[in-house]
Amino acid sequence: MVEHHTETAFLRHIILYDDSDERCKLEQSIVQVRRDARCVRRVALVTAIFPLLAMTGVGYGVFLGKDFPYNLSEPVLEVLCVVALASLICLMGFAGVLTVYFWKLHRLRKEARRLVMRLLESRLGKPQIAKLSRSHRASEDRGASQGATEFGV
């Protein structure tokens, strides 16, 4: 997870060199998605406390209470179980929302990479990459293997 944060911070820093409206919209979108995901993560952490507390209440009745099902009133046990189940269902929903935010952030990082490439090409020009043909690479490989056999490798 830390790698995604550092990559996002790096891309946000690089796109600051662009003066277009696209950069402003992209940066605002990234900030909004990260803020929303952080909010959902915090709510999920608070929600995770409720099933723990409910199970603690039931555990207290089971281990420390005499004649557990009879001395603990039935409505209290029912409320504890409902709270635990509802909290677990909410946690599953929050996990789904966090997954959607992760996908959105991934898409925004891809757009930021595209913007960075366009920015670099506008400032530095097209990269000069010598593309080797397939036959040229094959002949180099044969030459390397012949050289290796001459030296007994």
N, C-alpha and C. Protein backbone atom coordinates (compact mmCIF):
# COMPACT_ATOMS: atom_id res chain seq x y z
N MET A 1 0.81 -1.18 0.00
CA MET A 1 0.00 0.00 0.00
C MET A 1 0.87 1.26 0.00
N VAL A 2 2.00 1.22 0.66
CA VAL A 2 2.88 2.37 0.73
C VAL A 2 3.41 2.71 -0.65
N GLU A 3 3.65 1.72 -1.48
CA GLU A 3 4.17 1.94 -2.83
C GLU A 3 3.17 2.77 -3.65
N HIS A 4 1.89 2.50 -3.50
CA HIS A 4 0.87 3.26 -4.22
C HIS A 4 0.86 4.72 -3.77
N HIS A 5 1.04 4.93 -2.47
CA HIS A 5 1.04 6.29 -1.95
C HIS A 5 2.24 7.07 -2.48
N THR A 6 3.41 6.44 -2.49
CA THR A 6 4.60 7.13 -2.97
C THR A 6 4.51 7.40 -4.47
N GLU A 7 3.97 6.45 -5.23
CA GLU A 7 3.81 6.66 -6.66
C GLU A 7 2.83 7.81 -6.93
N THR A 8 1.74 7.84 -6.20
CA THR A 8 0.75 8.91 -6.37
C THR A 8 1.36 10.26 -6.01
N ALA A 9 2.10 10.32 -4.93
CA ALA A 9 2.74 11.58 -4.53
C ALA A 9 3.75 12.02 -5.58
N PHE A 10 4.51 11.08 -6.12
CA PHE A 10 5.49 11.40 -7.16
C PHE A 10 4.81 11.93 -8.41
N LEU A 11 3.75 11.28 -8.85
CA LEU A 11 3.03 11.73 -10.04
C LEU A 11 2.39 13.09 -9.82
N ARG A 12 1.83 13.30 -8.64
CA ARG A 12 1.23 14.60 -8.34
C ARG A 12 2.29 15.70 -8.37
N HIS A 13 3.48 15.39 -7.90
CA HIS A 13 4.56 16.38 -7.90
C HIS A 13 4.99 16.70 -9.34
N ILE A 14 5.09 15.69 -10.18
CA ILE A 14 5.53 15.91 -11.56
C ILE A 14 4.48 16.68 -12.37
N ILE A 15 3.22 16.34 -12.18
CA ILE A 15 2.21 17.02 -13.00
C ILE A 15 2.04 18.48 -12.62
N LEU A 16 2.64 18.91 -11.52
CA LEU A 16 2.58 20.33 -11.16
C LEU A 16 3.30 21.20 -12.19
N TYR A 17 4.19 20.60 -12.97
CA TYR A 17 4.90 21.36 -14.00
C TYR A 17 4.03 21.66 -15.22
N ASP A 18 2.87 21.07 -15.29
CA ASP A 18 1.96 21.32 -16.40
C ASP A 18 0.99 22.42 -15.98
N ASP A 19 0.66 23.31 -16.91
CA ASP A 19 -0.22 24.43 -16.60
C ASP A 19 -1.62 24.29 -17.16
N SER A 20 -1.99 23.11 -17.61
CA SER A 20 -3.27 22.93 -18.28
C SER A 20 -4.41 22.74 -17.28
N ASP A 21 -5.62 22.91 -17.79
CA ASP A 21 -6.82 22.67 -16.97
C ASP A 21 -6.96 21.18 -16.65
N GLU A 22 -6.48 20.35 -17.57
CA GLU A 22 -6.54 18.90 -17.35
C GLU A 22 -5.77 18.51 -16.09
N ARG A 23 -4.62 19.15 -15.88
CA ARG A 23 -3.83 18.87 -14.69
C ARG A 23 -4.57 19.27 -13.43
N CYS A 24 -5.25 20.42 -13.47
CA CYS A 24 -6.00 20.87 -12.29
C CYS A 24 -7.14 19.90 -11.97
N LYS A 25 -7.86 19.48 -13.00
CA LYS A 25 -8.96 18.53 -12.78
C LYS A 25 -8.44 17.20 -12.26
N LEU A 26 -7.33 16.73 -12.84
CA LEU A 26 -6.75 15.45 -12.43
C LEU A 26 -6.27 15.51 -10.99
N GLU A 27 -5.60 16.59 -10.63
CA GLU A 27 -5.12 16.73 -9.26
C GLU A 27 -6.27 16.81 -8.27
N GLN A 28 -7.32 17.55 -8.61
CA GLN A 28 -8.49 17.64 -7.73
C GLN A 28 -9.16 16.29 -7.58
N SER A 29 -9.23 15.53 -8.67
CA SER A 29 -9.84 14.20 -8.61
C SER A 29 -9.04 13.27 -7.71
N ILE A 30 -7.71 13.31 -7.84
CA ILE A 30 -6.86 12.46 -7.01
C ILE A 30 -7.03 12.82 -5.54
N VAL A 31 -7.02 14.11 -5.23
CA VAL A 31 -7.18 14.55 -3.84
C VAL A 31 -8.54 14.12 -3.30
N GLN A 32 -9.59 14.26 -4.10
CA GLN A 32 -10.94 13.89 -3.65
C GLN A 32 -11.06 12.40 -3.39
N VAL A 33 -10.54 11.58 -4.31
CA VAL A 33 -10.64 10.13 -4.13
C VAL A 33 -9.84 9.68 -2.92
N ARG A 34 -8.65 10.24 -2.74
CA ARG A 34 -7.84 9.87 -1.56
C ARG A 34 -8.54 10.29 -0.27
N ARG A 35 -9.17 11.47 -0.27
CA ARG A 35 -9.88 11.95 0.93
C ARG A 35 -11.08 11.05 1.23
N ASP A 36 -11.85 10.70 0.19
CA ASP A 36 -13.01 9.83 0.38
C ASP A 36 -12.59 8.45 0.88
N ALA A 37 -11.53 7.91 0.31
CA ALA A 37 -11.06 6.58 0.74
C ALA A 37 -10.59 6.63 2.19
N ARG A 38 -9.90 7.69 2.57
CA ARG A 38 -9.44 7.82 3.95
C ARG A 38 -10.63 7.91 4.91
N CYS A 39 -11.67 8.62 4.50
CA CYS A 39 -12.88 8.74 5.32
C CYS A 39 -13.56 7.38 5.50
N VAL A 40 -13.70 6.65 4.41
CA VAL A 40 -14.33 5.32 4.48
C VAL A 40 -13.48 4.38 5.35
N ARG A 41 -12.16 4.47 5.22
CA ARG A 41 -11.27 3.63 6.04
C ARG A 41 -11.46 3.93 7.53
N ARG A 42 -11.59 5.21 7.88
CA ARG A 42 -11.79 5.57 9.29
C ARG A 42 -13.13 5.06 9.81
N VAL A 43 -14.17 5.21 9.01
CA VAL A 43 -15.49 4.73 9.43
C VAL A 43 -15.47 3.21 9.58
N ALA A 44 -14.75 2.52 8.68
CA ALA A 44 -14.66 1.06 8.77
C ALA A 44 -13.94 0.65 10.06
N LEU A 45 -12.90 1.39 10.44
CA LEU A 45 -12.20 1.07 11.69
C LEU A 45 -13.10 1.26 12.90
N VAL A 46 -13.90 2.32 12.89
CA VAL A 46 -14.83 2.54 14.01
C VAL A 46 -15.91 1.46 14.01
N THR A 47 -16.39 1.10 12.82
CA THR A 47 -17.42 0.07 12.73
C THR A 47 -16.89 -1.29 13.17
N ALA A 48 -15.61 -1.54 12.98
CA ALA A 48 -15.02 -2.83 13.39
C ALA A 48 -15.03 -3.01 14.90
N ILE A 49 -15.18 -1.93 15.63
CA ILE A 49 -15.21 -2.02 17.09
C ILE A 49 -16.51 -2.65 17.57
N PHE A 50 -17.62 -2.39 16.89
CA PHE A 50 -18.92 -2.87 17.35
C PHE A 50 -19.05 -4.39 17.41
N PRO A 51 -18.64 -5.15 16.39
CA PRO A 51 -18.74 -6.61 16.56
C PRO A 51 -17.83 -7.13 17.66
N LEU A 52 -16.71 -6.47 17.85
CA LEU A 52 -15.82 -6.89 18.94
C LEU A 52 -16.48 -6.67 20.30
N LEU A 53 -17.11 -5.52 20.45
CA LEU A 53 -17.80 -5.25 21.71
C LEU A 53 -18.99 -6.20 21.92
N ALA A 54 -19.72 -6.48 20.85
CA ALA A 54 -20.86 -7.40 20.97
C ALA A 54 -20.39 -8.80 21.33
N MET A 55 -19.33 -9.26 20.70
CA MET A 55 -18.82 -10.60 21.01
C MET A 55 -18.24 -10.65 22.43
N THR A 56 -17.69 -9.52 22.88
CA THR A 56 -17.20 -9.46 24.25
C THR A 56 -18.36 -9.59 25.23
N GLY A 57 -19.48 -8.93 24.94
CA GLY A 57 -20.67 -9.03 25.80
C GLY A 57 -21.21 -10.45 25.84
N VAL A 58 -21.27 -11.10 24.68
CA VAL A 58 -21.76 -12.48 24.64
C VAL A 58 -20.76 -13.39 25.35
N GLY A 59 -19.47 -13.16 25.12
CA GLY A 59 -18.44 -13.97 25.79
C GLY A 59 -18.48 -13.81 27.30
N TYR A 60 -18.74 -12.63 27.76
CA TYR A 60 -18.88 -12.39 29.20
C TYR A 60 -20.01 -13.25 29.77
N GLY A 61 -21.12 -13.25 29.06
CA GLY A 61 -22.26 -14.05 29.52
C GLY A 61 -21.95 -15.54 29.49
N VAL A 62 -21.23 -16.01 28.47
CA VAL A 62 -20.94 -17.43 28.33
C VAL A 62 -19.95 -17.90 29.38
N PHE A 63 -18.86 -17.17 29.55
CA PHE A 63 -17.79 -17.66 30.42
C PHE A 63 -17.94 -17.26 31.88
N LEU A 64 -18.49 -16.12 32.13
CA LEU A 64 -18.53 -15.65 33.51
C LEU A 64 -19.92 -15.71 34.15
N GLY A 65 -20.92 -15.96 33.37
CA GLY A 65 -22.27 -15.99 33.91
C GLY A 65 -22.70 -17.41 34.28
N LYS A 66 -23.45 -17.50 35.33
CA LYS A 66 -24.01 -18.80 35.72
C LYS A 66 -25.29 -19.00 34.94
N ASP A 67 -25.49 -20.21 34.44
CA ASP A 67 -26.68 -20.51 33.65
C ASP A 67 -26.88 -19.45 32.57
N PHE A 68 -25.92 -19.36 31.69
CA PHE A 68 -25.82 -18.27 30.71
C PHE A 68 -27.12 -17.93 30.00
N PRO A 69 -27.75 -18.85 29.32
CA PRO A 69 -28.88 -18.36 28.54
C PRO A 69 -30.05 -17.91 29.40
N TYR A 70 -30.05 -18.29 30.68
CA TYR A 70 -31.23 -17.99 31.49
C TYR A 70 -31.07 -16.71 32.31
N ASN A 71 -29.84 -16.38 32.71
CA ASN A 71 -29.69 -15.18 33.54
C ASN A 71 -29.51 -13.92 32.70
N LEU A 72 -29.08 -14.05 31.46
CA LEU A 72 -28.98 -12.89 30.58
C LEU A 72 -30.31 -12.78 29.84
N SER A 73 -30.90 -11.63 29.93
CA SER A 73 -32.21 -11.48 29.31
C SER A 73 -32.09 -11.68 27.80
N GLU A 74 -33.10 -12.29 27.24
CA GLU A 74 -33.09 -12.62 25.83
C GLU A 74 -33.00 -11.38 24.94
N PRO A 75 -33.65 -10.28 25.22
CA PRO A 75 -33.51 -9.10 24.35
C PRO A 75 -32.07 -8.56 24.31
N VAL A 76 -31.34 -8.64 25.41
CA VAL A 76 -29.96 -8.15 25.43
C VAL A 76 -29.10 -9.01 24.51
N LEU A 77 -29.26 -10.32 24.59
CA LEU A 77 -28.51 -11.23 23.72
C LEU A 77 -28.88 -11.00 22.25
N GLU A 78 -30.14 -10.77 22.01
CA GLU A 78 -30.59 -10.54 20.63
C GLU A 78 -30.02 -9.22 20.09
N VAL A 79 -30.00 -8.18 20.90
CA VAL A 79 -29.44 -6.89 20.47
C VAL A 79 -27.95 -7.03 20.18
N LEU A 80 -27.23 -7.75 21.03
CA LEU A 80 -25.80 -7.94 20.80
C LEU A 80 -25.54 -8.69 19.49
N CYS A 81 -26.32 -9.69 19.21
CA CYS A 81 -26.15 -10.45 17.96
C CYS A 81 -26.51 -9.60 16.74
N VAL A 82 -27.56 -8.80 16.86
CA VAL A 82 -27.96 -7.93 15.74
C VAL A 82 -26.89 -6.87 15.48
N VAL A 83 -26.34 -6.30 16.54
CA VAL A 83 -25.28 -5.30 16.37
C VAL A 83 -24.06 -5.93 15.70
N ALA A 84 -23.68 -7.11 16.12
CA ALA A 84 -22.52 -7.78 15.53
C ALA A 84 -22.77 -8.09 14.06
N LEU A 85 -23.92 -8.63 13.74
CA LEU A 85 -24.23 -8.98 12.35
C LEU A 85 -24.32 -7.73 11.46
N ALA A 86 -24.99 -6.69 11.96
CA ALA A 86 -25.12 -5.46 11.18
C ALA A 86 -23.75 -4.82 10.94
N SER A 87 -22.90 -4.86 11.94
CA SER A 87 -21.55 -4.29 11.78
C SER A 87 -20.74 -5.08 10.76
N LEU A 88 -20.86 -6.39 10.77
CA LEU A 88 -20.13 -7.20 9.79
C LEU A 88 -20.63 -6.94 8.37
N ILE A 89 -21.93 -6.77 8.22
CA ILE A 89 -22.48 -6.45 6.89
C ILE A 89 -21.97 -5.08 6.43
N CYS A 90 -21.94 -4.11 7.33
CA CYS A 90 -21.41 -2.78 6.98
C CYS A 90 -19.94 -2.86 6.60
N LEU A 91 -19.17 -3.67 7.31
CA LEU A 91 -17.75 -3.82 6.97
C LEU A 91 -17.56 -4.39 5.58
N MET A 92 -18.41 -5.33 5.19
CA MET A 92 -18.33 -5.87 3.84
C MET A 92 -18.65 -4.79 2.81
N GLY A 93 -19.64 -3.96 3.10
CA GLY A 93 -19.97 -2.85 2.20
C GLY A 93 -18.83 -1.85 2.10
N PHE A 94 -18.20 -1.53 3.23
CA PHE A 94 -17.07 -0.61 3.21
C PHE A 94 -15.90 -1.18 2.43
N ALA A 95 -15.70 -2.49 2.53
CA ALA A 95 -14.63 -3.12 1.74
C ALA A 95 -14.91 -2.97 0.25
N GLY A 96 -16.17 -3.11 -0.14
CA GLY A 96 -16.53 -2.91 -1.55
C GLY A 96 -16.30 -1.47 -2.00
N VAL A 97 -16.68 -0.51 -1.16
CA VAL A 97 -16.48 0.90 -1.50
C VAL A 97 -14.98 1.22 -1.60
N LEU A 98 -14.19 0.67 -0.68
CA LEU A 98 -12.74 0.89 -0.74
C LEU A 98 -12.14 0.30 -2.00
N THR A 99 -12.66 -0.83 -2.45
CA THR A 99 -12.18 -1.44 -3.70
C THR A 99 -12.49 -0.53 -4.88
N VAL A 100 -13.68 0.06 -4.90
CA VAL A 100 -14.04 0.98 -5.98
C VAL A 100 -13.11 2.20 -5.96
N TYR A 101 -12.82 2.74 -4.78
CA TYR A 101 -11.91 3.88 -4.68
C TYR A 101 -10.50 3.50 -5.14
N PHE A 102 -10.07 2.28 -4.83
CA PHE A 102 -8.76 1.82 -5.27
C PHE A 102 -8.71 1.78 -6.79
N TRP A 103 -9.76 1.29 -7.43
CA TRP A 103 -9.81 1.23 -8.90
C TRP A 103 -9.80 2.64 -9.49
N LYS A 104 -10.56 3.56 -8.87
CA LYS A 104 -10.59 4.94 -9.36
C LYS A 104 -9.21 5.58 -9.26
N LEU A 105 -8.54 5.35 -8.14
CA LEU A 105 -7.21 5.92 -7.95
C LEU A 105 -6.22 5.32 -8.94
N HIS A 106 -6.37 4.03 -9.23
CA HIS A 106 -5.51 3.38 -10.23
C HIS A 106 -5.73 4.02 -11.60
N ARG A 107 -6.97 4.28 -11.96
CA ARG A 107 -7.28 4.91 -13.24
C ARG A 107 -6.72 6.34 -13.29
N LEU A 108 -6.82 7.07 -12.18
CA LEU A 108 -6.29 8.42 -12.14
C LEU A 108 -4.77 8.44 -12.22
N ARG A 109 -4.11 7.45 -11.60
CA ARG A 109 -2.65 7.36 -11.73
C ARG A 109 -2.25 7.08 -13.17
N LYS A 110 -3.04 6.25 -13.86
CA LYS A 110 -2.77 5.97 -15.27
C LYS A 110 -2.91 7.25 -16.10
N GLU A 111 -3.94 8.04 -15.83
CA GLU A 111 -4.10 9.31 -16.53
C GLU A 111 -2.95 10.26 -16.22
N ALA A 112 -2.49 10.26 -14.96
CA ALA A 112 -1.36 11.12 -14.59
C ALA A 112 -0.09 10.69 -15.32
N ARG A 113 0.13 9.38 -15.46
CA ARG A 113 1.30 8.90 -16.22
C ARG A 113 1.22 9.38 -17.67
N ARG A 114 0.02 9.29 -18.25
CA ARG A 114 -0.17 9.75 -19.63
C ARG A 114 0.14 11.25 -19.75
N LEU A 115 -0.32 12.03 -18.78
CA LEU A 115 -0.06 13.46 -18.78
C LEU A 115 1.43 13.75 -18.63
N VAL A 116 2.10 12.99 -17.77
CA VAL A 116 3.54 13.16 -17.59
C VAL A 116 4.29 12.84 -18.88
N MET A 117 3.90 11.77 -19.55
CA MET A 117 4.55 11.41 -20.82
C MET A 117 4.34 12.52 -21.85
N ARG A 118 3.14 13.06 -21.93
CA ARG A 118 2.87 14.13 -22.87
C ARG A 118 3.68 15.39 -22.52
N LEU A 119 3.80 15.66 -21.22
CA LEU A 119 4.58 16.80 -20.76
C LEU A 119 6.05 16.63 -21.10
N LEU A 120 6.59 15.44 -20.86
CA LEU A 120 8.00 15.19 -21.18
C LEU A 120 8.26 15.28 -22.68
N GLU A 121 7.35 14.75 -23.49
CA GLU A 121 7.52 14.82 -24.93
C GLU A 121 7.44 16.26 -25.43
N SER A 122 6.61 17.08 -24.81
CA SER A 122 6.51 18.47 -25.25
C SER A 122 7.74 19.27 -24.86
N ARG A 123 8.36 18.92 -23.74
CA ARG A 123 9.53 19.66 -23.28
C ARG A 123 10.83 19.11 -23.85
N LEU A 124 10.93 17.78 -23.97
CA LEU A 124 12.18 17.15 -24.38
C LEU A 124 12.15 16.57 -25.78
N GLY A 125 11.00 16.44 -26.37
CA GLY A 125 10.87 15.83 -27.69
C GLY A 125 10.65 14.33 -27.57
N LYS A 126 10.46 13.70 -28.71
CA LYS A 126 10.25 12.25 -28.74
C LYS A 126 11.55 11.54 -28.36
N PRO A 127 11.45 10.43 -27.62
CA PRO A 127 12.67 9.69 -27.26
C PRO A 127 13.27 9.02 -28.50
N GLN A 128 14.57 8.96 -28.53
CA GLN A 128 15.29 8.32 -29.64
C GLN A 128 15.61 6.89 -29.25
N ILE A 129 14.72 5.99 -29.57
CA ILE A 129 14.90 4.58 -29.23
C ILE A 129 15.26 3.84 -30.50
N ALA A 130 16.40 3.17 -30.48
CA ALA A 130 16.81 2.37 -31.63
C ALA A 130 16.12 1.02 -31.51
N LYS A 131 15.22 0.75 -32.42
CA LYS A 131 14.50 -0.51 -32.38
C LYS A 131 15.26 -1.53 -33.20
N LEU A 132 15.61 -2.60 -32.56
CA LEU A 132 16.34 -3.67 -33.23
C LEU A 132 15.36 -4.58 -33.94
N SER A 133 15.70 -4.94 -35.13
CA SER A 133 14.84 -5.88 -35.84
C SER A 133 15.06 -7.27 -35.27
N ARG A 134 14.13 -8.13 -35.52
CA ARG A 134 14.19 -9.49 -34.98
C ARG A 134 15.40 -10.24 -35.54
N SER A 135 15.71 -10.08 -36.82
CA SER A 135 16.85 -10.79 -37.40
C SER A 135 18.15 -10.26 -36.84
N HIS A 136 18.23 -8.96 -36.56
CA HIS A 136 19.44 -8.38 -36.02
C HIS A 136 19.72 -8.92 -34.62
N ARG A 137 18.66 -9.04 -33.80
CA ARG A 137 18.82 -9.61 -32.46
C ARG A 137 19.22 -11.07 -32.52
N ALA A 138 18.66 -11.81 -33.45
CA ALA A 138 18.99 -13.24 -33.56
C ALA A 138 20.45 -13.41 -33.95
N SER A 139 20.96 -12.58 -34.86
CA SER A 139 22.37 -12.71 -35.25
C SER A 139 23.29 -12.33 -34.10
N GLU A 140 22.90 -11.33 -33.28
CA GLU A 140 23.70 -10.98 -32.11
C GLU A 140 23.72 -12.11 -31.11
N ASP A 141 22.59 -12.80 -30.93
CA ASP A 141 22.52 -13.91 -29.99
C ASP A 141 23.42 -15.06 -30.46
N ARG A 142 23.43 -15.33 -31.78
CA ARG A 142 24.29 -16.40 -32.30
C ARG A 142 25.76 -16.04 -32.10
N GLY A 143 26.09 -14.78 -32.34
CA GLY A 143 27.47 -14.34 -32.17
C GLY A 143 27.90 -14.43 -30.72
N ALA A 144 27.02 -14.11 -29.81
CA ALA A 144 27.34 -14.18 -28.39
C ALA A 144 27.53 -15.63 -27.96
N SER A 145 26.71 -16.54 -28.48
CA SER A 145 26.84 -17.94 -28.10
C SER A 145 28.10 -18.54 -28.69
N GLN A 146 28.50 -18.13 -29.93
CA GLN A 146 29.75 -18.62 -30.52
C GLN A 146 30.94 -18.11 -29.73
N GLY A 147 30.87 -16.86 -29.31
CA GLY A 147 31.97 -16.30 -28.51
C GLY A 147 32.09 -17.02 -27.18
N ALA A 148 30.98 -17.41 -26.61
CA ALA A 148 30.99 -18.09 -25.32
C ALA A 148 31.59 -19.47 -25.46
N THR A 149 31.34 -20.15 -26.59
CA THR A 149 31.90 -21.49 -26.77
C THR A 149 33.39 -21.42 -27.03
N GLU A 150 33.88 -20.34 -27.64
CA GLU A 150 35.32 -20.19 -27.87
C GLU A 150 36.07 -20.08 -26.57
N PHE A 151 35.46 -19.43 -25.58
CA PHE A 151 36.12 -19.24 -24.30
C PHE A 151 35.79 -20.37 -23.32
N GLY A 152 35.04 -21.36 -23.76
CA GLY A 152 34.73 -22.52 -22.91
C GLY A 152 33.73 -22.21 -21.83
N VAL A 153 32.86 -21.30 -22.07
CA VAL A 153 31.83 -20.95 -21.06
C VAL A 153 30.65 -21.85 -21.21
